[in-house]
PDB file of N, CA and C in Angstrom:
ATOM      1  N   MET A   1     -29.884 -11.655   2.977  1.00  0.00           N
ATOM      2  CA  MET A   1     -28.805 -12.627   2.971  1.00  0.00           C
ATOM      3  C   MET A   1     -27.499 -11.797   2.744  1.00  0.00           C
ATOM      4  N   VAL A   2     -26.467 -11.953   3.396  1.00  0.00           N
ATOM      5  CA  VAL A   2     -25.078 -11.359   3.380  1.00  0.00           C
ATOM      6  C   VAL A   2     -24.181 -12.246   2.722  1.00  0.00           C
ATOM      7  N   ASN A   3     -23.515 -11.726   1.852  1.00  0.00           N
ATOM      8  CA  ASN A   3     -22.313 -12.227   1.056  1.00  0.00           C
ATOM      9  C   ASN A   3     -21.058 -11.997   1.714  1.00  0.00           C
ATOM     10  N   ILE A   4     -20.393 -12.969   1.987  1.00  0.00           N
ATOM     11  CA  ILE A   4     -19.098 -12.764   2.741  1.00  0.00           C
ATOM     12  C   ILE A   4     -17.887 -13.327   1.751  1.00  0.00           C
ATOM     13  N   LYS A   5     -17.086 -12.468   1.639  1.00  0.00           N
ATOM     14  CA  LYS A   5     -15.787 -12.579   0.674  1.00  0.00           C
ATOM     15  C   LYS A   5     -14.696 -13.195   1.512  1.00  0.00           C
ATOM     16  N   ILE A   6     -14.307 -14.282   1.307  1.00  0.00           N
ATOM     17  CA  ILE A   6     -13.117 -14.928   2.074  1.00  0.00           C
ATOM     18  C   ILE A   6     -11.813 -14.839   1.274  1.00  0.00           C
ATOM     19  N   LYS A   7     -10.771 -14.244   1.814  1.00  0.00           N
ATOM     20  CA  LYS A   7      -9.561 -14.138   1.154  1.00  0.00           C
ATOM     21  C   LYS A   7      -8.823 -15.525   1.226  1.00  0.00           C
ATOM     22  N   GLU A   8      -8.517 -16.106   0.067  1.00  0.00           N
ATOM     23  CA  GLU A   8      -7.738 -17.315   0.191  1.00  0.00           C
ATOM     24  C   GLU A   8      -6.276 -17.087   0.222  1.00  0.00           C
ATOM     25  N   VAL A   9      -5.619 -17.851   1.140  1.00  0.00           N
ATOM     26  CA  VAL A   9      -4.077 -17.759   1.237  1.00  0.00           C
ATOM     27  C   VAL A   9      -3.716 -19.188   0.995  1.00  0.00           C
ATOM     28  N   SER A  10      -2.785 -19.304   0.349  1.00  0.00           N
ATOM     29  CA  SER A  10      -2.162 -20.631  -0.157  1.00  0.00           C
ATOM     30  C   SER A  10      -1.055 -21.175   0.572  1.00  0.00           C
ATOM     31  N   GLN A  11      -0.294 -20.035   1.211  1.00  0.00           N
ATOM     32  CA  GLN A  11       0.827 -20.423   2.054  1.00  0.00           C
ATOM     33  C   GLN A  11       0.831 -19.209   3.229  1.00  0.00           C
ATOM     34  N   PRO A  12       1.463 -19.497   4.158  1.00  0.00           N
ATOM     35  CA  PRO A  12       1.773 -18.368   5.221  1.00  0.00           C
ATOM     36  C   PRO A  12       2.598 -17.371   4.665  1.00  0.00           C
ATOM     37  N   CYS A  13       2.381 -16.141   4.750  1.00  0.00           N
ATOM     38  CA  CYS A  13       3.266 -15.186   4.376  1.00  0.00           C
ATOM     39  C   CYS A  13       4.101 -14.501   5.471  1.00  0.00           C
ATOM     40  N   VAL A  14       5.200 -14.607   5.290  1.00  0.00           N
ATOM     41  CA  VAL A  14       6.213 -13.968   6.322  1.00  0.00           C
ATOM     42  C   VAL A  14       6.804 -12.642   5.651  1.00  0.00           C
ATOM     43  N   THR A  15       6.506 -11.606   6.394  1.00  0.00           N
ATOM     44  CA  THR A  15       6.950 -10.216   5.941  1.00  0.00           C
ATOM     45  C   THR A  15       7.688  -9.458   6.956  1.00  0.00           C
ATOM     46  N   ASN A  16       8.531  -8.739   6.554  1.00  0.00           N
ATOM     47  CA  ASN A  16       9.338  -7.735   7.497  1.00  0.00           C
ATOM     48  C   ASN A  16       8.486  -6.605   7.752  1.00  0.00           C
ATOM     49  N   VAL A  17       8.314  -6.102   8.884  1.00  0.00           N
ATOM     50  CA  VAL A  17       7.638  -4.879   9.148  1.00  0.00           C
ATOM     51  C   VAL A  17       8.503  -3.677   9.477  1.00  0.00           C
ATOM     52  N   LEU A  18       8.083  -2.415   9.178  1.00  0.00           N
ATOM     53  CA  LEU A  18       8.904  -1.154   9.458  1.00  0.00           C
ATOM     54  C   LEU A  18       8.078  -0.445  10.385  1.00  0.00           C
ATOM     55  N   SER A  19       8.888   0.383  11.333  1.00  0.00           N
ATOM     56  CA  SER A  19       8.262   1.333  12.006  1.00  0.00           C
ATOM     57  C   SER A  19       7.953   2.600  11.363  1.00  0.00           C
ATOM     58  N   TRP A  20       7.187   3.362  11.896  1.00  0.00           N
ATOM     59  CA  TRP A  20       6.852   4.749  11.276  1.00  0.00           C
ATOM     60  C   TRP A  20       8.027   5.473  10.712  1.00  0.00           C
ATOM     61  N   GLU A  21       9.048   5.540  11.562  1.00  0.00           N
ATOM     62  CA  GLU A  21      10.204   6.350  11.166  1.00  0.00           C
ATOM     63  C   GLU A  21      10.984   5.595  10.118  1.00  0.00           C
ATOM     64  N   GLU A  22      11.111   4.327  10.107  1.00  0.00           N
ATOM     65  CA  GLU A  22      11.899   3.519   9.183  1.00  0.00           C
ATOM     66  C   GLU A  22      11.269   3.613   7.683  1.00  0.00           C
ATOM     67  N   PHE A  23       9.794   3.557   7.987  1.00  0.00           N
ATOM     68  CA  PHE A  23       9.011   3.600   6.663  1.00  0.00           C
ATOM     69  C   PHE A  23       9.212   5.142   6.020  1.00  0.00           C
ATOM     70  N   ILE A  24       9.201   6.067   6.694  1.00  0.00           N
ATOM     71  CA  ILE A  24       9.332   7.363   6.192  1.00  0.00           C
ATOM     72  C   ILE A  24      10.852   7.447   5.614  1.00  0.00           C
ATOM     73  N   PHE A  25      11.756   6.897   6.303  1.00  0.00           N
ATOM     74  CA  PHE A  25      13.217   6.972   5.706  1.00  0.00           C
ATOM     75  C   PHE A  25      13.282   6.284   4.414  1.00  0.00           C
ATOM     76  N   ARG A  26      12.668   5.073   4.409  1.00  0.00           N
ATOM     77  CA  ARG A  26      12.809   4.159   3.228  1.00  0.00           C
ATOM     78  C   ARG A  26      11.969   4.764   1.886  1.00  0.00           C
ATOM     79  N   THR A  27      10.933   5.522   2.186  1.00  0.00           N
ATOM     80  CA  THR A  27      10.043   6.000   1.110  1.00  0.00           C
ATOM     81  C   THR A  27      10.291   7.363   0.970  1.00  0.00           C
ATOM     82  N   GLY A  28      10.730   8.070   1.782  1.00  0.00           N
ATOM     83  CA  GLY A  28      10.942   9.612   1.590  1.00  0.00           C
ATOM     84  C   GLY A  28       9.660  10.400   1.654  1.00  0.00           C
ATOM     85  N   ILE A  29       8.538   9.708   2.196  1.00  0.00           N
ATOM     86  CA  ILE A  29       7.339  10.272   2.204  1.00  0.00           C
ATOM     87  C   ILE A  29       7.368  11.396   3.480  1.00  0.00           C
ATOM     88  N   ASN A  30       6.515  12.352   3.271  1.00  0.00           N
ATOM     89  CA  ASN A  30       6.335  13.356   4.267  1.00  0.00           C
ATOM     90  C   ASN A  30       5.320  12.702   5.447  1.00  0.00           C
ATOM     91  N   PRO A  31       5.764  12.944   6.719  1.00  0.00           N
ATOM     92  CA  PRO A  31       4.866  12.301   7.710  1.00  0.00           C
ATOM     93  C   PRO A  31       3.423  12.677   7.606  1.00  0.00           C
ATOM     94  N   LEU A  32       3.066  13.911   7.272  1.00  0.00           N
ATOM     95  CA  LEU A  32       1.688  14.285   7.121  1.00  0.00           C
ATOM     96  C   LEU A  32       1.127  13.463   6.016  1.00  0.00           C
ATOM     97  N   ARG A  33       1.752  13.354   4.937  1.00  0.00           N
ATOM     98  CA  ARG A  33       1.065  12.534   3.826  1.00  0.00           C
ATOM     99  C   ARG A  33       0.936  11.208   4.156  1.00  0.00           C
ATOM    100  N   LEU A  34       1.866  10.568   4.916  1.00  0.00           N
ATOM    101  CA  LEU A  34       1.623   9.163   5.429  1.00  0.00           C
ATOM    102  C   LEU A  34       0.461   9.069   6.329  1.00  0.00           C
ATOM    103  N   SER A  35       0.320  10.102   7.233  1.00  0.00           N
ATOM    104  CA  SER A  35      -0.911  10.037   8.084  1.00  0.00           C
ATOM    105  C   SER A  35      -2.147  10.260   7.175  1.00  0.00           C
ATOM    106  N   GLU A  36      -2.173  10.890   6.062  1.00  0.00           N
ATOM    107  CA  GLU A  36      -3.140  10.897   5.150  1.00  0.00           C
ATOM    108  C   GLU A  36      -3.556   9.420   4.634  1.00  0.00           C
ATOM    109  N   LEU A  37      -2.570   8.882   4.109  1.00  0.00           N
ATOM    110  CA  LEU A  37      -2.698   7.513   3.621  1.00  0.00           C
ATOM    111  C   LEU A  37      -3.262   6.504   4.794  1.00  0.00           C
ATOM    112  N   VAL A  38      -2.812   6.562   5.973  1.00  0.00           N
ATOM    113  CA  VAL A  38      -3.285   5.861   7.029  1.00  0.00           C
ATOM    114  C   VAL A  38      -4.768   6.073   7.295  1.00  0.00           C
ATOM    115  N   GLU A  39      -5.118   7.395   7.453  1.00  0.00           N
ATOM    116  CA  GLU A  39      -6.474   7.767   7.569  1.00  0.00           C
ATOM    117  C   GLU A  39      -7.401   7.393   6.638  1.00  0.00           C
ATOM    118  N   MET A  40      -7.032   7.368   5.320  1.00  0.00           N
ATOM    119  CA  MET A  40      -7.766   6.953   4.182  1.00  0.00           C
ATOM    120  C   MET A  40      -7.821   5.493   3.966  1.00  0.00           C
ATOM    121  N   ASP A  41      -7.054   4.801   4.790  1.00  0.00           N
ATOM    122  CA  ASP A  41      -6.950   3.361   4.860  1.00  0.00           C
ATOM    123  C   ASP A  41      -6.470   2.696   3.579  1.00  0.00           C
ATOM    124  N   TRP A  42      -5.648   3.515   2.931  1.00  0.00           N
ATOM    125  CA  TRP A  42      -5.059   3.115   1.646  1.00  0.00           C
ATOM    126  C   TRP A  42      -3.868   2.188   1.812  1.00  0.00           C
ATOM    127  N   ILE A  43      -3.068   2.355   2.777  1.00  0.00           N
ATOM    128  CA  ILE A  43      -1.948   1.690   3.063  1.00  0.00           C
ATOM    129  C   ILE A  43      -2.168   0.528   4.113  1.00  0.00           C
ATOM    130  N   ASN A  44      -1.497  -0.430   3.827  1.00  0.00           N
ATOM    131  CA  ASN A  44      -1.623  -1.692   4.949  1.00  0.00           C
ATOM    132  C   ASN A  44      -0.830  -1.392   6.130  1.00  0.00           C
ATOM    133  N   TYR A  45      -1.252  -1.554   7.291  1.00  0.00           N
ATOM    134  CA  TYR A  45      -0.477  -1.344   8.578  1.00  0.00           C
ATOM    135  C   TYR A  45      -1.076  -2.103   9.698  1.00  0.00           C
ATOM    136  N   ALA A  46      -0.235  -2.174  10.746  1.00  0.00           N
ATOM    137  CA  ALA A  46      -0.791  -2.819  11.966  1.00  0.00           C
ATOM    138  C   ALA A  46      -0.532  -1.785  13.080  1.00  0.00           C
ATOM    139  N   VAL A  47      -1.220  -1.831  14.163  1.00  0.00           N
ATOM    140  CA  VAL A  47      -0.805  -1.122  15.368  1.00  0.00           C
ATOM    141  C   VAL A  47      -0.468  -2.008  16.514  1.00  0.00           C
ATOM    142  N   ALA A  48       0.784  -1.727  16.929  1.00  0.00           N
ATOM    143  CA  ALA A  48       1.236  -2.672  18.040  1.00  0.00           C
ATOM    144  C   ALA A  48       0.614  -2.153  19.331  1.00  0.00           C
ATOM    145  N   GLY A  49       0.676  -2.864  20.442  1.00  0.00           N
ATOM    146  CA  GLY A  49       0.091  -2.558  21.745  1.00  0.00           C
ATOM    147  C   GLY A  49       0.351  -1.336  22.315  1.00  0.00           C
ATOM    148  N   ASP A  50       1.569  -0.691  21.966  1.00  0.00           N
ATOM    149  CA  ASP A  50       1.777   0.509  22.448  1.00  0.00           C
ATOM    150  C   ASP A  50       1.555   1.708  21.549  1.00  0.00           C
ATOM    151  N   ASN A  51       0.556   1.471  20.699  1.00  0.00           N
ATOM    152  CA  ASN A  51       0.169   2.441  19.606  1.00  0.00           C
ATOM    153  C   ASN A  51       1.360   2.813  18.618  1.00  0.00           C
ATOM    154  N   THR A  52       2.055   1.783  18.268  1.00  0.00           N
ATOM    155  CA  THR A  52       3.211   1.878  17.421  1.00  0.00           C
ATOM    156  C   THR A  52       2.756   1.347  16.075  1.00  0.00           C
ATOM    157  N   TYR A  53       2.832   2.210  14.880  1.00  0.00           N
ATOM    158  CA  TYR A  53       2.394   1.754  13.623  1.00  0.00           C
ATOM    159  C   TYR A  53       3.442   1.000  13.111  1.00  0.00           C
ATOM    160  N   LEU A  54       3.119  -0.106  12.397  1.00  0.00           N
ATOM    161  CA  LEU A  54       3.987  -1.219  11.682  1.00  0.00           C
ATOM    162  C   LEU A  54       3.512  -1.346  10.351  1.00  0.00           C
ATOM    163  N   PHE A  55       4.479  -1.135   9.367  1.00  0.00           N
ATOM    164  CA  PHE A  55       4.068  -1.219   7.971  1.00  0.00           C
ATOM    165  C   PHE A  55       4.695  -2.519   7.289  1.00  0.00           C
ATOM    166  N   PRO A  56       4.088  -3.224   6.376  1.00  0.00           N
ATOM    167  CA  PRO A  56       4.773  -4.301   5.748  1.00  0.00           C
ATOM    168  C   PRO A  56       5.865  -3.613   4.899  1.00  0.00           C
ATOM    169  N   GLU A  57       7.008  -4.379   4.694  1.00  0.00           N
ATOM    170  CA  GLU A  57       7.981  -3.835   3.844  1.00  0.00           C
ATOM    171  C   GLU A  57       7.504  -3.673   2.416  1.00  0.00           C
ATOM    172  N   LYS A  58       6.480  -4.585   2.044  1.00  0.00           N
ATOM    173  CA  LYS A  58       6.008  -4.614   0.520  1.00  0.00           C
ATOM    174  C   LYS A  58       5.422  -3.186   0.263  1.00  0.00           C
ATOM    175  N   GLU A  59       4.934  -2.380   1.200  1.00  0.00           N
ATOM    176  CA  GLU A  59       4.297  -1.228   1.008  1.00  0.00           C
ATOM    177  C   GLU A  59       5.190  -0.167   0.579  1.00  0.00           C
ATOM    178  N   VAL A  60       6.503  -0.399   0.846  1.00  0.00           N
ATOM    179  CA  VAL A  60       7.543   0.762   0.405  1.00  0.00           C
ATOM    180  C   VAL A  60       7.415   0.863  -0.959  1.00  0.00           C
ATOM    181  N   TYR A  61       7.406  -0.241  -1.911  1.00  0.00           N
ATOM    182  CA  TYR A  61       7.384  -0.099  -3.357  1.00  0.00           C
ATOM    183  C   TYR A  61       6.074   0.673  -3.605  1.00  0.00           C
ATOM    184  N   ARG A  62       5.022   0.302  -3.138  1.00  0.00           N
ATOM    185  CA  ARG A  62       3.620   0.896  -3.441  1.00  0.00           C
ATOM    186  C   ARG A  62       3.583   2.421  -3.133  1.00  0.00           C
ATOM    187  N   VAL A  63       4.122   2.893  -2.088  1.00  0.00           N
ATOM    188  CA  VAL A  63       4.150   4.118  -1.747  1.00  0.00           C
ATOM    189  C   VAL A  63       5.256   4.959  -2.625  1.00  0.00           C
ATOM    190  N   ARG A  64       6.301   4.334  -2.952  1.00  0.00           N
ATOM    191  CA  ARG A  64       7.312   5.068  -3.794  1.00  0.00           C
ATOM    192  C   ARG A  64       6.717   5.254  -5.103  1.00  0.00           C
ATOM    193  N   LYS A  65       5.814   4.339  -5.594  1.00  0.00           N
ATOM    194  CA  LYS A  65       5.175   4.467  -6.868  1.00  0.00           C
ATOM    195  C   LYS A  65       4.215   5.543  -6.863  1.00  0.00           C
ATOM    196  N   LEU A  66       3.573   5.672  -5.749  1.00  0.00           N
ATOM    197  CA  LEU A  66       2.614   6.671  -5.635  1.00  0.00           C
ATOM    198  C   LEU A  66       3.169   8.135  -5.534  1.00  0.00           C
ATOM    199  N   LEU A  67       4.293   8.206  -4.710  1.00  0.00           N
ATOM    200  CA  LEU A  67       4.998   9.561  -4.700  1.00  0.00           C
ATOM    201  C   LEU A  67       5.590   9.888  -6.210  1.00  0.00           C
ATOM    202  N   ARG A  68       6.002   8.939  -6.839  1.00  0.00           N
ATOM    203  CA  ARG A  68       6.598   9.141  -8.157  1.00  0.00           C
ATOM    204  C   ARG A  68       5.450   9.711  -9.196  1.00  0.00           C
ATOM    205  N   ILE A  69       4.477   8.942  -9.164  1.00  0.00           N
ATOM    206  CA  ILE A  69       3.481   9.374 -10.093  1.00  0.00           C
ATOM    207  C   ILE A  69       2.812  10.762  -9.632  1.00  0.00           C
ATOM    208  N   CYS A  70       2.674  11.056  -8.489  1.00  0.00           N
ATOM    209  CA  CYS A  70       2.176  12.397  -8.108  1.00  0.00           C
ATOM    210  C   CYS A  70       3.056  13.486  -8.470  1.00  0.00           C
ATOM    211  N   ARG A  71       4.420  13.126  -8.393  1.00  0.00           N
ATOM    212  CA  ARG A  71       5.485  13.991  -8.629  1.00  0.00           C
ATOM    213  C   ARG A  71       5.539  14.318 -10.232  1.00  0.00           C
ATOM    214  N   ASP A  72       5.635  13.162 -10.948  1.00  0.00           N
ATOM    215  CA  ASP A  72       5.808  13.144 -12.421  1.00  0.00           C
ATOM    216  C   ASP A  72       4.597  13.962 -12.997  1.00  0.00           C
ATOM    217  N   PHE A  73       3.375  13.635 -12.637  1.00  0.00           N
ATOM    218  CA  PHE A  73       2.203  14.230 -13.234  1.00  0.00           C
ATOM    219  C   PHE A  73       1.480  15.243 -12.529  1.00  0.00           C
ATOM    220  N   GLU A  74       2.159  15.766 -11.404  1.00  0.00           N
ATOM    221  CA  GLU A  74       1.797  16.788 -10.686  1.00  0.00           C
ATOM    222  C   GLU A  74       0.269  16.700 -10.153  1.00  0.00           C
ATOM    223  N   LEU A  75       0.049  15.425  -9.546  1.00  0.00           N
ATOM    224  CA  LEU A  75      -1.297  15.018  -9.144  1.00  0.00           C
ATOM    225  C   LEU A  75      -1.387  15.100  -7.710  1.00  0.00           C
ATOM    226  N   SER A  76      -2.625  15.263  -7.338  1.00  0.00           N
ATOM    227  CA  SER A  76      -2.934  15.110  -5.895  1.00  0.00           C
ATOM    228  C   SER A  76      -2.698  13.705  -5.267  1.00  0.00           C
ATOM    229  N   THR A  77      -2.663  13.569  -3.972  1.00  0.00           N
ATOM    230  CA  THR A  77      -2.529  12.369  -3.503  1.00  0.00           C
ATOM    231  C   THR A  77      -3.546  11.392  -3.856  1.00  0.00           C
ATOM    232  N   LEU A  78      -4.879  11.846  -3.765  1.00  0.00           N
ATOM    233  CA  LEU A  78      -6.012  11.102  -4.063  1.00  0.00           C
ATOM    234  C   LEU A  78      -5.895  10.412  -5.528  1.00  0.00           C
ATOM    235  N   ALA A  79      -5.645  11.467  -6.473  1.00  0.00           N
ATOM    236  CA  ALA A  79      -5.385  11.039  -7.928  1.00  0.00           C
ATOM    237  C   ALA A  79      -4.335   9.943  -8.027  1.00  0.00           C
ATOM    238  N   GLY A  80      -3.233  10.077  -7.342  1.00  0.00           N
ATOM    239  CA  GLY A  80      -2.100   9.156  -7.430  1.00  0.00           C
ATOM    240  C   GLY A  80      -2.527   7.724  -6.826  1.00  0.00           C
ATOM    241  N   MET A  81      -3.398   7.842  -5.827  1.00  0.00           N
ATOM    242  CA  MET A  81      -3.880   6.598  -5.308  1.00  0.00           C
ATOM    243  C   MET A  81      -4.752   5.821  -6.243  1.00  0.00           C
ATOM    244  N   ILE A  82      -5.646   6.590  -6.906  1.00  0.00           N
ATOM    245  CA  ILE A  82      -6.518   5.779  -7.874  1.00  0.00           C
ATOM    246  C   ILE A  82      -5.633   5.270  -8.959  1.00  0.00           C
ATOM    247  N   ILE A  83      -4.641   5.967  -9.513  1.00  0.00           N
ATOM    248  CA  ILE A  83      -3.914   5.363 -10.462  1.00  0.00           C
ATOM    249  C   ILE A  83      -2.973   4.214 -10.078  1.00  0.00           C
ATOM    250  N   VAL A  84      -2.432   4.188  -8.858  1.00  0.00           N
ATOM    251  CA  VAL A  84      -1.598   3.076  -8.419  1.00  0.00           C
ATOM    252  C   VAL A  84      -2.595   1.942  -8.173  1.00  0.00           C
ATOM    253  N   ASP A  85      -3.865   2.052  -7.606  1.00  0.00           N
ATOM    254  CA  ASP A  85      -4.818   1.078  -7.623  1.00  0.00           C
ATOM    255  C   ASP A  85      -5.336   0.375  -8.858  1.00  0.00           C
ATOM    256  N   LEU A  86      -5.513   1.203  -9.879  1.00  0.00           N
ATOM    257  CA  LEU A  86      -5.799   0.748 -11.248  1.00  0.00           C
ATOM    258  C   LEU A  86      -4.616  -0.040 -11.906  1.00  0.00           C
ATOM    259  N   LEU A  87      -3.324   0.541 -11.671  1.00  0.00           N
ATOM    260  CA  LEU A  87      -2.252  -0.150 -12.243  1.00  0.00           C
ATOM    261  C   LEU A  87      -1.997  -1.709 -11.582  1.00  0.00           C
ATOM    262  N   GLU A  88      -2.365  -1.669 -10.298  1.00  0.00           N
ATOM    263  CA  GLU A  88      -2.266  -2.964  -9.573  1.00  0.00           C
ATOM    264  C   GLU A  88      -3.361  -3.960 -10.151  1.00  0.00           C
ATOM    265  N   ARG A  89      -4.602  -3.383 -10.419  1.00  0.00           N
ATOM    266  CA  ARG A  89      -5.563  -4.241 -10.948  1.00  0.00           C
ATOM    267  C   ARG A  89      -5.316  -4.846 -12.199  1.00  0.00           C
ATOM    268  N   ILE A  90      -4.535  -3.928 -13.132  1.00  0.00           N
ATOM    269  CA  ILE A  90      -4.169  -4.294 -14.404  1.00  0.00           C
ATOM    270  C   ILE A  90      -3.194  -5.444 -14.267  1.00  0.00           C
ATOM    271  N   GLU A  91      -2.181  -5.206 -13.473  1.00  0.00           N
ATOM    272  CA  GLU A  91      -1.069  -6.285 -13.267  1.00  0.00           C
ATOM    273  C   GLU A  91      -1.702  -7.550 -12.686  1.00  0.00           C
ATOM    274  N   CYS A  92      -2.744  -7.501 -11.960  1.00  0.00           N
ATOM    275  CA  CYS A  92      -3.371  -8.746 -11.400  1.00  0.00           C
ATOM    276  C   CYS A  92      -4.015  -9.416 -12.582  1.00  0.00           C
ATOM    277  N   LEU A  93      -4.785  -8.552 -13.536  1.00  0.00           N
ATOM    278  CA  LEU A  93      -5.492  -9.265 -14.605  1.00  0.00           C
ATOM    279  C   LEU A  93      -4.469  -9.743 -15.648  1.00  0.00           C
ATOM    280  N   GLU A  94      -3.411  -9.170 -15.820  1.00  0.00           N
ATOM    281  CA  GLU A  94      -2.328  -9.689 -16.741  1.00  0.00           C
ATOM    282  C   GLU A  94      -1.837 -11.065 -16.157  1.00  0.00           C
ATOM    283  N   ARG A  95      -1.567 -11.207 -14.920  1.00  0.00           N
ATOM    284  CA  ARG A  95      -1.161 -12.441 -14.297  1.00  0.00           C
ATOM    285  C   ARG A  95      -2.025 -13.423 -14.560  1.00  0.00           C
ATOM    286  N   LYS A  96      -3.299 -13.153 -14.325  1.00  0.00           N
ATOM    287  CA  LYS A  96      -4.461 -14.108 -14.498  1.00  0.00           C
ATOM    288  C   LYS A  96      -4.414 -14.491 -15.987  1.00  0.00           C
ATOM    289  N   LEU A  97      -4.328 -13.598 -16.950  1.00  0.00           N
ATOM    290  CA  LEU A  97      -4.401 -14.025 -18.404  1.00  0.00           C
ATOM    291  C   LEU A  97      -3.189 -14.863 -18.784  1.00  0.00           C
ATOM    292  N   SER A  98      -2.061 -14.617 -18.249  1.00  0.00           N
ATOM    293  CA  SER A  98      -0.931 -15.461 -18.591  1.00  0.00           C
ATOM    294  C   SER A  98      -0.967 -16.814 -18.015  1.00  0.00           C
ATOM    295  N   GLN A  99      -1.946 -17.032 -17.019  1.00  0.00           N
ATOM    296  CA  GLN A  99      -2.075 -18.369 -16.458  1.00  0.00           C
ATOM    297  C   GLN A  99      -3.022 -19.288 -17.265  1.00  0.00           C
ATOM    298  N   ILE A 100      -3.620 -18.704 -18.208  1.00  0.00           N
ATOM    299  CA  ILE A 100      -4.744 -19.367 -18.950  1.00  0.00           C
ATOM    300  C   ILE A 100      -4.016 -20.138 -20.164  1.00  0.00           C
TER     301      ILE A 100
END
């Protein structure tokens, strides 16, 4: 038996998307590091028909946080990714607790 997890969406989400170049400009990330995040499937993105990468604008904040953590604590990208993921989980749990 296979368990399927369905993501519930309460309302349609309209988001702005950024091209590869715009995303690099807005975040200050090195293009090679961005390629690494894409390869590791850590960052949300879409690929347009002409192989153009499109990134949701909300990912700018997430990547800036990653870069800041890696820089401030002299961490590798992988270590920074783990910390950002854990911080996001904590924020989610705190939101759930505040709704109780």
